[in-house]
Amino acid sequence: MKVSDLRKNKKKELEKMIEDKRKKLQDVRFRLSSGRVKNVKEARDLRKDIAKILTILKEGSYEK
């Protein structure tokens, strides 16, 4: 996920994306603990995406 693409979204859309990614991260963590994950990098990628979105929201550099 590119930062330039995220900056084109509105605040509500970014907040919805964070909510969805946090739910998905919770699911991935659950599957990791039970040993049913094939892509172990998925959790790291989700955390990075969440951090990118939060940074954009804090900066206020999203589409208004």
N, C-alpha and C. Protein backbone atom coordinates (compact mmCIF):
# COMPACT_ATOMS: atom_id res chain seq x y z
N MET A 1 0.85 -1.16 0.00
CA MET A 1 0.00 0.00 0.00
C MET A 1 0.90 1.23 0.00
N LYS A 2 0.68 2.11 -0.96
CA LYS A 2 1.51 3.30 -1.09
C LYS A 2 0.89 4.47 -0.33
N VAL A 3 1.75 5.28 0.23
CA VAL A 3 1.31 6.43 1.00
C VAL A 3 0.59 7.45 0.11
N SER A 4 1.09 7.62 -1.10
CA SER A 4 0.46 8.59 -2.01
C SER A 4 -0.99 8.18 -2.33
N ASP A 5 -1.24 6.89 -2.41
CA ASP A 5 -2.61 6.42 -2.65
C ASP A 5 -3.49 6.66 -1.43
N LEU A 6 -2.91 6.48 -0.25
CA LEU A 6 -3.68 6.67 0.98
C LEU A 6 -4.06 8.14 1.18
N ARG A 7 -3.18 9.04 0.79
CA ARG A 7 -3.44 10.47 0.98
C ARG A 7 -4.62 10.95 0.14
N LYS A 8 -5.00 10.21 -0.88
CA LYS A 8 -6.12 10.59 -1.74
C LYS A 8 -7.47 10.25 -1.13
N ASN A 9 -7.46 9.47 -0.05
CA ASN A 9 -8.71 9.06 0.60
C ASN A 9 -9.18 10.11 1.60
N LYS A 10 -10.45 10.06 1.91
CA LYS A 10 -11.04 10.95 2.91
C LYS A 10 -10.82 10.36 4.31
N LYS A 11 -11.02 11.20 5.32
CA LYS A 11 -10.78 10.80 6.70
C LYS A 11 -11.63 9.59 7.10
N LYS A 12 -12.90 9.60 6.75
CA LYS A 12 -13.80 8.49 7.10
C LYS A 12 -13.33 7.19 6.47
N GLU A 13 -12.86 7.26 5.23
CA GLU A 13 -12.38 6.06 4.54
C GLU A 13 -11.13 5.51 5.23
N LEU A 14 -10.24 6.41 5.64
CA LEU A 14 -9.02 5.98 6.32
C LEU A 14 -9.35 5.32 7.66
N GLU A 15 -10.29 5.90 8.38
CA GLU A 15 -10.70 5.31 9.66
C GLU A 15 -11.32 3.94 9.46
N LYS A 16 -12.09 3.78 8.41
CA LYS A 16 -12.69 2.48 8.10
C LYS A 16 -11.60 1.47 7.74
N MET A 17 -10.58 1.93 7.00
CA MET A 17 -9.48 1.03 6.63
C MET A 17 -8.73 0.55 7.86
N ILE A 18 -8.51 1.45 8.82
CA ILE A 18 -7.82 1.06 10.06
C ILE A 18 -8.63 0.00 10.79
N GLU A 19 -9.92 0.23 10.89
CA GLU A 19 -10.79 -0.72 11.59
C GLU A 19 -10.72 -2.11 10.93
N ASP A 20 -10.79 -2.14 9.61
CA ASP A 20 -10.74 -3.41 8.88
C ASP A 20 -9.39 -4.10 9.05
N LYS A 21 -8.32 -3.33 8.97
CA LYS A 21 -6.98 -3.92 9.08
C LYS A 21 -6.71 -4.43 10.49
N ARG A 22 -7.24 -3.75 11.51
CA ARG A 22 -7.06 -4.22 12.88
C ARG A 22 -7.81 -5.54 13.11
N LYS A 23 -9.00 -5.65 12.52
CA LYS A 23 -9.74 -6.91 12.63
C LYS A 23 -8.99 -8.04 11.92
N LYS A 24 -8.46 -7.72 10.76
CA LYS A 24 -7.71 -8.73 10.00
C LYS A 24 -6.44 -9.12 10.75
N LEU A 25 -5.77 -8.16 11.38
CA LEU A 25 -4.57 -8.45 12.16
C LEU A 25 -4.89 -9.36 13.34
N GLN A 26 -6.02 -9.12 13.98
CA GLN A 26 -6.44 -9.96 15.08
C GLN A 26 -6.66 -11.40 14.60
N ASP A 27 -7.27 -11.53 13.45
CA ASP A 27 -7.50 -12.86 12.87
C ASP A 27 -6.18 -13.54 12.52
N VAL A 28 -5.25 -12.78 11.94
CA VAL A 28 -3.96 -13.35 11.57
C VAL A 28 -3.20 -13.80 12.81
N ARG A 29 -3.25 -13.00 13.87
CA ARG A 29 -2.57 -13.38 15.12
C ARG A 29 -3.16 -14.67 15.69
N PHE A 30 -4.47 -14.79 15.61
CA PHE A 30 -5.12 -16.00 16.10
C PHE A 30 -4.67 -17.21 15.29
N ARG A 31 -4.65 -17.05 13.96
CA ARG A 31 -4.22 -18.16 13.12
C ARG A 31 -2.75 -18.48 13.31
N LEU A 32 -1.92 -17.47 13.60
CA LEU A 32 -0.49 -17.71 13.87
C LEU A 32 -0.32 -18.56 15.13
N SER A 33 -1.09 -18.25 16.15
CA SER A 33 -0.97 -18.99 17.41
C SER A 33 -1.43 -20.44 17.27
N SER A 34 -2.35 -20.66 16.35
CA SER A 34 -2.83 -22.03 16.16
C SER A 34 -2.05 -22.75 15.06
N GLY A 35 -1.13 -22.04 14.42
CA GLY A 35 -0.26 -22.68 13.42
C GLY A 35 -0.91 -22.91 12.07
N ARG A 36 -1.90 -22.10 11.70
CA ARG A 36 -2.59 -22.30 10.42
C ARG A 36 -2.27 -21.24 9.39
N VAL A 37 -1.12 -20.55 9.53
CA VAL A 37 -0.78 -19.46 8.62
C VAL A 37 0.33 -19.91 7.68
N LYS A 38 0.15 -19.62 6.41
CA LYS A 38 1.18 -19.93 5.43
C LYS A 38 2.08 -18.72 5.20
N ASN A 39 1.49 -17.52 5.21
CA ASN A 39 2.24 -16.30 4.98
C ASN A 39 2.50 -15.63 6.33
N VAL A 40 3.68 -15.86 6.90
CA VAL A 40 3.99 -15.32 8.22
C VAL A 40 4.32 -13.84 8.19
N LYS A 41 4.55 -13.28 7.00
CA LYS A 41 4.83 -11.85 6.88
C LYS A 41 3.57 -11.00 6.89
N GLU A 42 2.43 -11.64 6.81
CA GLU A 42 1.17 -10.91 6.70
C GLU A 42 0.92 -10.00 7.90
N ALA A 43 1.24 -10.46 9.10
CA ALA A 43 1.02 -9.66 10.30
C ALA A 43 1.90 -8.41 10.27
N ARG A 44 3.14 -8.57 9.86
CA ARG A 44 4.05 -7.43 9.78
C ARG A 44 3.55 -6.40 8.77
N ASP A 45 3.10 -6.87 7.63
CA ASP A 45 2.58 -5.96 6.60
C ASP A 45 1.35 -5.21 7.08
N LEU A 46 0.48 -5.89 7.80
CA LEU A 46 -0.72 -5.24 8.32
C LEU A 46 -0.35 -4.16 9.34
N ARG A 47 0.61 -4.46 10.22
CA ARG A 47 1.04 -3.47 11.20
C ARG A 47 1.63 -2.24 10.52
N LYS A 48 2.39 -2.45 9.47
CA LYS A 48 2.99 -1.33 8.73
C LYS A 48 1.90 -0.49 8.06
N ASP A 49 0.91 -1.15 7.47
CA ASP A 49 -0.18 -0.42 6.82
C ASP A 49 -0.95 0.41 7.84
N ILE A 50 -1.21 -0.15 9.01
CA ILE A 50 -1.92 0.58 10.06
C ILE A 50 -1.11 1.80 10.48
N ALA A 51 0.20 1.63 10.63
CA ALA A 51 1.06 2.75 11.02
C ALA A 51 1.05 3.85 9.96
N LYS A 52 1.06 3.47 8.69
CA LYS A 52 1.03 4.46 7.61
C LYS A 52 -0.26 5.28 7.67
N ILE A 53 -1.38 4.59 7.86
CA ILE A 53 -2.67 5.27 7.89
C ILE A 53 -2.76 6.20 9.10
N LEU A 54 -2.29 5.73 10.26
CA LEU A 54 -2.33 6.56 11.45
C LEU A 54 -1.45 7.80 11.30
N THR A 55 -0.32 7.64 10.64
CA THR A 55 0.57 8.78 10.41
C THR A 55 -0.11 9.82 9.53
N ILE A 56 -0.77 9.38 8.49
CA ILE A 56 -1.48 10.30 7.60
C ILE A 56 -2.59 11.03 8.35
N LEU A 57 -3.31 10.31 9.21
CA LEU A 57 -4.38 10.94 9.98
C LEU A 57 -3.81 11.98 10.95
N LYS A 58 -2.70 11.69 11.57
CA LYS A 58 -2.09 12.62 12.52
C LYS A 58 -1.58 13.88 11.81
N GLU A 59 -1.01 13.69 10.62
CA GLU A 59 -0.51 14.82 9.85
C GLU A 59 -1.63 15.70 9.32
N GLY A 60 -2.76 15.08 9.05
CA GLY A 60 -3.87 15.80 8.45
C GLY A 60 -3.68 15.99 6.96
N SER A 61 -2.88 15.13 6.35
CA SER A 61 -2.57 15.27 4.91
C SER A 61 -3.45 14.37 4.04
N TYR A 62 -4.68 14.20 4.43
CA TYR A 62 -5.62 13.40 3.65
C TYR A 62 -6.55 14.33 2.91
N GLU A 63 -7.31 13.77 1.98
CA GLU A 63 -8.28 14.54 1.18
C GLU A 63 -9.42 14.97 2.09
N LYS A 64 -9.77 16.23 2.03
CA LYS A 64 -10.84 16.73 2.92
C LYS A 64 -12.14 16.91 2.23
